[in-house]
Amino acid sequence: MRHSLLALACLAALPAAANPPEVVSVRAEAGDGGRWSIFVTLRHPDTGWDHYASGWEVLAPDGTRLGYRELSHPHADEQPFTRSLDDVAIPDAVDFVLIRPRCTLDGWVAMPARLDLRR
């Protein structure tokens, strides 16, 4: 019985796992010279300054970071929400990128979203 209570106390002390930011939609617009604008719509149960979706990155298929969009405040009253990142240099040989969001509490999501590029 004592071990059960100890285990329960330890579990209660752990932070609750929150929902990670979800990529609802993503699109890309090609610009001049291999530069792209990326538009990402996220959904996340932001609760305030202690827990909110704090950014997303654009990754090449090999994991190289091509761009990062910081989100500098919570969007508790604006869900889902869309933000863009301009002037992302994507090499001609790359036919898709990965979008990986993060939040202040849980960090980077484990599975990024794939965006196929139309060239």
Protein backbone atom coordinates (compact mmCIF):
# COMPACT_ATOMS: atom_id res chain seq x y z
CA MET A 1 0.00 0.00 0.00
CA ARG A 2 2.80 2.41 0.88
CA HIS A 3 4.46 1.80 -2.50
CA SER A 4 1.18 2.50 -4.30
CA LEU A 5 0.79 5.81 -2.49
CA LEU A 6 4.40 6.73 -3.27
CA ALA A 7 3.90 5.92 -6.96
CA LEU A 8 0.68 7.93 -7.04
CA ALA A 9 2.40 10.91 -5.38
CA CYS A 10 5.22 10.76 -7.94
CA LEU A 11 2.77 10.67 -10.85
CA ALA A 12 0.81 13.59 -9.45
CA ALA A 13 4.00 15.65 -9.29
CA LEU A 14 4.69 15.21 -13.02
CA PRO A 15 3.43 17.90 -15.41
CA ALA A 16 0.42 16.89 -17.46
CA ALA A 17 1.14 16.24 -21.12
CA ALA A 18 -0.49 18.94 -23.18
CA ASN A 19 -1.72 18.81 -26.75
CA PRO A 20 1.08 19.71 -29.15
CA PRO A 21 0.58 22.40 -31.80
CA GLU A 22 -1.24 20.97 -34.81
CA VAL A 23 -0.59 22.09 -38.40
CA VAL A 24 -4.10 22.57 -39.76
CA SER A 25 -3.00 23.73 -43.20
CA VAL A 26 0.10 24.94 -44.97
CA ARG A 27 0.78 26.40 -48.39
CA ALA A 28 3.69 27.91 -50.26
CA GLU A 29 3.96 30.62 -52.89
CA ALA A 30 7.01 30.73 -55.14
CA GLY A 31 8.74 34.06 -55.55
CA ASP A 32 11.75 35.25 -57.49
CA GLY A 33 15.15 33.60 -57.27
CA GLY A 34 14.10 30.43 -55.44
CA ARG A 35 12.54 32.40 -52.56
CA TRP A 36 9.23 31.24 -51.14
CA SER A 37 6.51 32.52 -48.82
CA ILE A 38 5.17 29.87 -46.45
CA PHE A 39 1.73 30.19 -44.82
CA VAL A 40 1.02 27.97 -41.82
CA THR A 41 -2.25 27.61 -39.92
CA LEU A 42 -1.84 26.19 -36.41
CA ARG A 43 -4.23 25.01 -33.74
CA HIS A 44 -3.08 24.80 -30.13
CA PRO A 45 -4.87 25.10 -26.78
CA ASP A 46 -2.90 28.20 -25.72
CA THR A 47 -3.56 28.96 -22.06
CA GLY A 48 -1.51 32.15 -21.74
CA TRP A 49 2.12 33.18 -21.40
CA ASP A 50 3.06 29.94 -19.63
CA HIS A 51 1.87 27.68 -22.48
CA TYR A 52 1.41 28.71 -26.10
CA ALA A 53 2.49 27.81 -29.64
CA SER A 54 5.76 29.72 -29.86
CA GLY A 55 6.95 29.11 -33.40
CA TRP A 56 7.43 26.87 -36.40
CA GLU A 57 10.30 25.98 -38.66
CA VAL A 58 10.68 25.03 -42.29
CA LEU A 59 13.00 22.05 -42.78
CA ALA A 60 14.53 20.52 -45.89
CA PRO A 61 14.02 16.75 -46.24
CA ASP A 62 17.50 16.19 -44.73
CA GLY A 63 16.57 18.22 -41.63
CA THR A 64 18.39 21.43 -42.58
CA ARG A 65 16.54 24.46 -41.24
CA LEU A 66 15.50 26.75 -44.08
CA GLY A 67 13.49 29.21 -42.01
CA TYR A 68 11.98 29.92 -38.61
CA ARG A 69 8.87 31.90 -37.66
CA GLU A 70 8.77 32.99 -34.04
CA LEU A 71 5.38 33.48 -32.44
CA SER A 72 5.96 35.99 -29.69
CA HIS A 73 2.64 35.84 -27.82
CA PRO A 74 -0.26 33.49 -27.03
CA HIS A 75 -3.23 33.16 -29.39
CA ALA A 76 -5.76 31.92 -26.83
CA ASP A 77 -8.63 33.87 -28.43
CA GLU A 78 -7.60 33.25 -32.04
CA GLN A 79 -7.76 29.54 -32.91
CA PRO A 80 -6.77 28.32 -35.36
CA PHE A 81 -4.48 31.10 -36.57
CA THR A 82 -2.32 31.66 -39.66
CA ARG A 83 1.09 33.28 -39.87
CA SER A 84 3.52 33.53 -42.77
CA LEU A 85 7.23 33.56 -43.36
CA ASP A 86 8.62 35.30 -46.44
CA ASP A 87 11.91 35.01 -48.28
CA VAL A 88 12.58 31.33 -47.51
CA ALA A 89 15.38 30.08 -49.78
CA ILE A 90 14.53 26.57 -50.92
CA PRO A 91 17.06 24.83 -53.19
CA ASP A 92 15.79 23.82 -56.65
CA ALA A 93 16.46 20.13 -55.95
CA VAL A 94 14.06 20.14 -52.97
CA ASP A 95 10.51 19.09 -53.93
CA PHE A 96 9.01 19.13 -50.43
CA VAL A 97 9.65 20.72 -47.04
CA LEU A 98 8.63 19.84 -43.51
CA ILE A 99 6.84 22.22 -41.14
CA ARG A 100 7.53 21.58 -37.47
CA PRO A 101 5.77 23.68 -34.81
CA ARG A 102 6.71 24.04 -31.17
CA CYS A 103 5.13 25.26 -27.95
CA THR A 104 6.63 26.78 -24.83
CA LEU A 105 5.75 23.83 -22.60
CA ASP A 106 6.22 20.72 -24.74
CA GLY A 107 8.87 21.87 -27.23
CA TRP A 108 9.03 20.65 -30.83
CA VAL A 109 6.39 18.24 -32.15
CA ALA A 110 7.63 14.76 -32.97
CA MET A 111 6.05 14.48 -36.43
CA PRO A 112 6.34 17.49 -38.75
CA ALA A 113 3.83 18.16 -41.53
CA ARG A 114 4.93 17.63 -45.13
CA LEU A 115 4.40 20.32 -47.77
CA ASP A 116 4.90 19.30 -51.40
CA LEU A 117 6.18 22.17 -53.53
CA ARG A 118 4.76 22.94 -56.95
CA ARG A 119 7.52 24.27 -59.14
